[in-house]
Amino acid sequence: MYKSVEDTHYLNELLESHLYELRLSNKVLETTDNTQVITIANNLIHRRNKDIASIHKLVNDSKQKKQGSITRGNLFNYMDIGRGQTQKPEHKSHGGL
């Protein structure tokens, strides 16, 4: 069992799993006449294609520094949450208040 999983490792494993489901669903569509199985396979194919596009976008976005259109400053990258050193806020003394 993993103690921790890196984001990119997780996304790559998820992508591999989704691609397997796509291949399996396409294969069953070639061989079945069962309308319920066809419906399930088609729905899964539609969902997984959307998921795969989202994963690719997330991975690609995480590799690029984005700049704001007005400020030209770097935009916040949600893939960086929890990474790196975090600093604890300093506590200021209020003179006994």
N, C-alpha and C. Protein backbone atom coordinates (compact mmCIF):
# COMPACT_ATOMS: atom_id res chain seq x y z
N MET A 1 0.83 -1.18 0.00
CA MET A 1 0.00 0.00 0.00
C MET A 1 0.87 1.24 0.00
N TYR A 2 0.45 2.26 -0.73
CA TYR A 2 1.20 3.50 -0.80
C TYR A 2 1.02 4.32 0.47
N LYS A 3 2.11 4.93 0.93
CA LYS A 3 2.00 5.88 2.03
C LYS A 3 1.54 7.22 1.51
N SER A 4 2.01 7.59 0.34
CA SER A 4 1.56 8.82 -0.31
C SER A 4 1.63 8.60 -1.81
N VAL A 5 0.82 9.33 -2.53
CA VAL A 5 0.77 9.22 -3.97
C VAL A 5 0.96 10.61 -4.56
N GLU A 6 1.89 10.76 -5.46
CA GLU A 6 2.10 12.03 -6.14
C GLU A 6 0.93 12.27 -7.10
N ASP A 7 0.59 13.53 -7.29
CA ASP A 7 -0.53 13.89 -8.16
C ASP A 7 -0.36 13.33 -9.56
N THR A 8 0.82 13.51 -10.15
CA THR A 8 1.02 13.05 -11.52
C THR A 8 0.95 11.54 -11.62
N HIS A 9 1.46 10.83 -10.60
CA HIS A 9 1.37 9.38 -10.60
C HIS A 9 -0.10 8.94 -10.55
N TYR A 10 -0.86 9.57 -9.68
CA TYR A 10 -2.29 9.26 -9.57
C TYR A 10 -2.99 9.50 -10.89
N LEU A 11 -2.76 10.65 -11.50
CA LEU A 11 -3.43 10.98 -12.75
C LEU A 11 -3.04 10.03 -13.87
N ASN A 12 -1.77 9.65 -13.93
CA ASN A 12 -1.33 8.69 -14.95
C ASN A 12 -1.96 7.32 -14.75
N GLU A 13 -2.04 6.87 -13.51
CA GLU A 13 -2.69 5.58 -13.23
C GLU A 13 -4.18 5.63 -13.57
N LEU A 14 -4.82 6.75 -13.23
CA LEU A 14 -6.23 6.93 -13.53
C LEU A 14 -6.46 6.94 -15.04
N LEU A 15 -5.58 7.60 -15.75
CA LEU A 15 -5.67 7.65 -17.21
C LEU A 15 -5.54 6.25 -17.80
N GLU A 16 -4.60 5.48 -17.30
CA GLU A 16 -4.42 4.11 -17.77
C GLU A 16 -5.68 3.27 -17.53
N SER A 17 -6.28 3.43 -16.36
CA SER A 17 -7.50 2.71 -16.02
C SER A 17 -8.65 3.10 -16.95
N HIS A 18 -8.77 4.39 -17.21
CA HIS A 18 -9.85 4.86 -18.10
C HIS A 18 -9.65 4.34 -19.53
N LEU A 19 -8.40 4.31 -19.99
CA LEU A 19 -8.14 3.82 -21.33
C LEU A 19 -8.47 2.33 -21.45
N TYR A 20 -8.21 1.57 -20.39
CA TYR A 20 -8.56 0.16 -20.38
C TYR A 20 -10.08 0.00 -20.46
N GLU A 21 -10.81 0.80 -19.69
CA GLU A 21 -12.28 0.74 -19.73
C GLU A 21 -12.81 1.08 -21.11
N LEU A 22 -12.18 2.04 -21.78
CA LEU A 22 -12.60 2.40 -23.14
C LEU A 22 -12.39 1.24 -24.11
N ARG A 23 -11.21 0.61 -24.03
CA ARG A 23 -10.93 -0.52 -24.92
C ARG A 23 -11.92 -1.66 -24.68
N LEU A 24 -12.18 -1.95 -23.42
CA LEU A 24 -13.10 -3.02 -23.07
C LEU A 24 -14.52 -2.72 -23.55
N SER A 25 -14.96 -1.49 -23.36
CA SER A 25 -16.31 -1.11 -23.79
C SER A 25 -16.44 -1.14 -25.30
N ASN A 26 -15.42 -0.67 -26.01
CA ASN A 26 -15.47 -0.73 -27.47
C ASN A 26 -15.49 -2.17 -27.97
N LYS A 27 -14.77 -3.03 -27.30
CA LYS A 27 -14.73 -4.45 -27.68
C LYS A 27 -16.10 -5.10 -27.48
N VAL A 28 -16.76 -4.78 -26.34
CA VAL A 28 -18.07 -5.39 -26.08
C VAL A 28 -19.11 -4.89 -27.09
N LEU A 29 -18.95 -3.64 -27.55
CA LEU A 29 -19.89 -3.12 -28.56
C LEU A 29 -19.77 -3.88 -29.88
N GLU A 30 -18.60 -4.44 -30.14
CA GLU A 30 -18.41 -5.23 -31.37
C GLU A 30 -19.06 -6.60 -31.29
N THR A 31 -19.33 -7.08 -30.07
CA THR A 31 -19.75 -8.47 -29.94
C THR A 31 -21.14 -8.68 -29.34
N THR A 32 -21.76 -7.66 -28.76
CA THR A 32 -23.03 -7.88 -28.08
C THR A 32 -24.21 -7.33 -28.86
N ASP A 33 -25.37 -7.96 -28.63
CA ASP A 33 -26.63 -7.46 -29.16
C ASP A 33 -27.54 -7.01 -28.02
N ASN A 34 -27.08 -7.15 -26.78
CA ASN A 34 -27.86 -6.80 -25.60
C ASN A 34 -27.96 -5.28 -25.49
N THR A 35 -29.17 -4.75 -25.60
CA THR A 35 -29.35 -3.29 -25.60
C THR A 35 -28.94 -2.65 -24.27
N GLN A 36 -29.14 -3.37 -23.18
CA GLN A 36 -28.73 -2.81 -21.89
C GLN A 36 -27.20 -2.70 -21.78
N VAL A 37 -26.50 -3.72 -22.25
CA VAL A 37 -25.04 -3.69 -22.24
C VAL A 37 -24.53 -2.61 -23.19
N ILE A 38 -25.17 -2.48 -24.34
CA ILE A 38 -24.79 -1.44 -25.30
C ILE A 38 -24.96 -0.05 -24.68
N THR A 39 -26.07 0.15 -23.97
CA THR A 39 -26.33 1.44 -23.32
C THR A 39 -25.26 1.74 -22.26
N ILE A 40 -24.97 0.75 -21.44
CA ILE A 40 -23.94 0.93 -20.40
C ILE A 40 -22.59 1.24 -21.03
N ALA A 41 -22.21 0.50 -22.06
CA ALA A 41 -20.92 0.70 -22.72
C ALA A 41 -20.84 2.08 -23.36
N ASN A 42 -21.90 2.49 -24.04
CA ASN A 42 -21.91 3.82 -24.66
C ASN A 42 -21.84 4.94 -23.63
N ASN A 43 -22.56 4.78 -22.52
CA ASN A 43 -22.51 5.78 -21.45
C ASN A 43 -21.11 5.86 -20.85
N LEU A 44 -20.50 4.70 -20.63
CA LEU A 44 -19.15 4.67 -20.06
C LEU A 44 -18.15 5.32 -21.02
N ILE A 45 -18.27 5.03 -22.30
CA ILE A 45 -17.37 5.62 -23.29
C ILE A 45 -17.49 7.14 -23.28
N HIS A 46 -18.71 7.64 -23.23
CA HIS A 46 -18.94 9.08 -23.20
C HIS A 46 -18.32 9.71 -21.95
N ARG A 47 -18.57 9.11 -20.78
CA ARG A 47 -18.03 9.64 -19.52
C ARG A 47 -16.52 9.60 -19.49
N ARG A 48 -15.94 8.47 -19.91
CA ARG A 48 -14.49 8.32 -19.85
C ARG A 48 -13.78 9.26 -20.81
N ASN A 49 -14.37 9.50 -21.98
CA ASN A 49 -13.77 10.46 -22.91
C ASN A 49 -13.72 11.85 -22.29
N LYS A 50 -14.78 12.24 -21.58
CA LYS A 50 -14.78 13.52 -20.88
C LYS A 50 -13.75 13.53 -19.76
N ASP A 51 -13.67 12.43 -19.00
CA ASP A 51 -12.70 12.33 -17.90
C ASP A 51 -11.27 12.42 -18.43
N ILE A 52 -11.00 11.71 -19.52
CA ILE A 52 -9.66 11.70 -20.09
C ILE A 52 -9.28 13.10 -20.57
N ALA A 53 -10.21 13.81 -21.19
CA ALA A 53 -9.93 15.18 -21.63
C ALA A 53 -9.63 16.07 -20.43
N SER A 54 -10.37 15.89 -19.33
CA SER A 54 -10.14 16.68 -18.12
C SER A 54 -8.77 16.37 -17.52
N ILE A 55 -8.41 15.10 -17.49
CA ILE A 55 -7.11 14.71 -16.93
C ILE A 55 -5.98 15.30 -17.77
N HIS A 56 -6.09 15.19 -19.10
CA HIS A 56 -5.06 15.76 -19.97
C HIS A 56 -4.94 17.26 -19.75
N LYS A 57 -6.07 17.95 -19.63
CA LYS A 57 -6.04 19.40 -19.40
C LYS A 57 -5.38 19.71 -18.06
N LEU A 58 -5.73 18.97 -17.03
CA LEU A 58 -5.15 19.19 -15.71
C LEU A 58 -3.64 18.99 -15.72
N VAL A 59 -3.18 17.92 -16.37
CA VAL A 59 -1.75 17.64 -16.45
C VAL A 59 -1.05 18.73 -17.25
N ASN A 60 -1.62 19.10 -18.39
CA ASN A 60 -1.01 20.14 -19.22
C ASN A 60 -0.99 21.49 -18.51
N ASP A 61 -2.08 21.84 -17.85
CA ASP A 61 -2.14 23.10 -17.12
C ASP A 61 -1.13 23.15 -15.99
N SER A 62 -0.89 22.02 -15.35
CA SER A 62 0.04 21.99 -14.23
C SER A 62 1.49 22.18 -14.70
N LYS A 63 1.76 21.91 -15.97
CA LYS A 63 3.12 22.05 -16.50
C LYS A 63 3.41 23.48 -16.97
N GLN A 64 2.37 24.28 -17.10
CA GLN A 64 2.54 25.62 -17.65
C GLN A 64 2.32 26.68 -16.58
N LYS A 65 3.12 27.72 -16.64
CA LYS A 65 2.88 28.89 -15.81
C LYS A 65 1.89 29.75 -16.58
N LYS A 66 0.82 30.13 -15.93
CA LYS A 66 -0.18 30.97 -16.58
C LYS A 66 -0.10 32.37 -16.02
N GLN A 67 -0.33 33.34 -16.90
CA GLN A 67 -0.31 34.72 -16.47
C GLN A 67 -1.69 35.33 -16.65
N GLY A 68 -2.03 36.20 -15.73
CA GLY A 68 -3.30 36.90 -15.82
C GLY A 68 -3.32 37.82 -17.02
N SER A 69 -4.46 37.96 -17.66
CA SER A 69 -4.55 38.77 -18.88
C SER A 69 -4.35 40.26 -18.60
N ILE A 70 -4.72 40.72 -17.42
CA ILE A 70 -4.58 42.13 -17.10
C ILE A 70 -3.29 42.40 -16.33
N THR A 71 -3.05 41.62 -15.28
CA THR A 71 -1.90 41.88 -14.40
C THR A 71 -0.60 41.30 -14.92
N ARG A 72 -0.69 40.33 -15.79
CA ARG A 72 0.47 39.59 -16.29
C ARG A 72 1.25 38.91 -15.17
N GLY A 73 0.63 38.81 -14.00
CA GLY A 73 1.23 38.08 -12.88
C GLY A 73 0.90 36.61 -13.00
N ASN A 74 1.69 35.76 -12.35
CA ASN A 74 1.42 34.33 -12.39
C ASN A 74 0.12 34.02 -11.68
N LEU A 75 -0.69 33.18 -12.30
CA LEU A 75 -1.95 32.77 -11.70
C LEU A 75 -1.73 31.61 -10.75
N PHE A 76 -2.62 31.45 -9.81
CA PHE A 76 -2.54 30.37 -8.83
C PHE A 76 -2.76 29.03 -9.51
N ASN A 77 -1.91 28.05 -9.22
CA ASN A 77 -2.02 26.72 -9.80
C ASN A 77 -2.49 25.77 -8.71
N TYR A 78 -3.70 25.25 -8.85
CA TYR A 78 -4.28 24.38 -7.84
C TYR A 78 -3.52 23.06 -7.68
N MET A 79 -2.74 22.68 -8.68
CA MET A 79 -1.95 21.46 -8.57
C MET A 79 -0.81 21.62 -7.57
N ASP A 80 -0.49 22.87 -7.20
CA ASP A 80 0.60 23.12 -6.27
C ASP A 80 0.15 23.13 -4.81
N ILE A 81 -1.13 22.96 -4.55
CA ILE A 81 -1.62 22.99 -3.18
C ILE A 81 -0.97 21.85 -2.39
N GLY A 82 -0.45 22.18 -1.22
CA GLY A 82 0.14 21.18 -0.35
C GLY A 82 1.57 20.83 -0.68
N ARG A 83 2.14 21.46 -1.67
CA ARG A 83 3.53 21.19 -2.03
C ARG A 83 4.43 22.26 -1.45
N GLY A 84 5.66 21.89 -1.25
CA GLY A 84 6.65 22.87 -0.81
C GLY A 84 6.53 23.17 0.66
N GLN A 85 7.27 24.15 1.08
CA GLN A 85 7.31 24.54 2.48
C GLN A 85 6.16 25.48 2.78
N THR A 86 5.50 25.24 3.86
CA THR A 86 4.48 26.16 4.32
C THR A 86 5.01 26.87 5.54
N GLN A 87 4.72 28.14 5.63
CA GLN A 87 5.20 28.91 6.76
C GLN A 87 4.05 29.14 7.72
N LYS A 88 4.34 29.00 9.00
CA LYS A 88 3.34 29.26 10.01
C LYS A 88 3.25 30.76 10.23
N PRO A 89 2.04 31.28 10.40
CA PRO A 89 1.92 32.72 10.64
C PRO A 89 2.51 33.08 12.00
N GLU A 90 3.13 34.25 12.05
CA GLU A 90 3.70 34.71 13.30
C GLU A 90 2.59 35.23 14.20
N HIS A 91 2.69 34.91 15.48
CA HIS A 91 1.72 35.41 16.45
C HIS A 91 2.24 36.69 17.04
N LYS A 92 1.45 37.75 16.98
CA LYS A 92 1.85 39.03 17.54
C LYS A 92 1.27 39.16 18.93
N SER A 93 2.05 39.69 19.79
CA SER A 93 1.61 39.92 21.15
C SER A 93 0.82 41.21 21.20
N HIS A 94 -0.32 41.17 21.86
CA HIS A 94 -1.17 42.36 21.99
C HIS A 94 -1.05 42.98 23.36
N GLY A 95 0.06 42.80 24.01
CA GLY A 95 0.30 43.42 25.30
C GLY A 95 -0.69 43.02 26.37
N GLY A 96 -1.03 41.72 26.43
CA GLY A 96 -1.91 41.23 27.48
C GLY A 96 -3.38 41.35 27.16
N LEU A 97 -3.74 41.73 25.95
CA LEU A 97 -5.17 41.83 25.60
C LEU A 97 -5.74 40.49 25.29
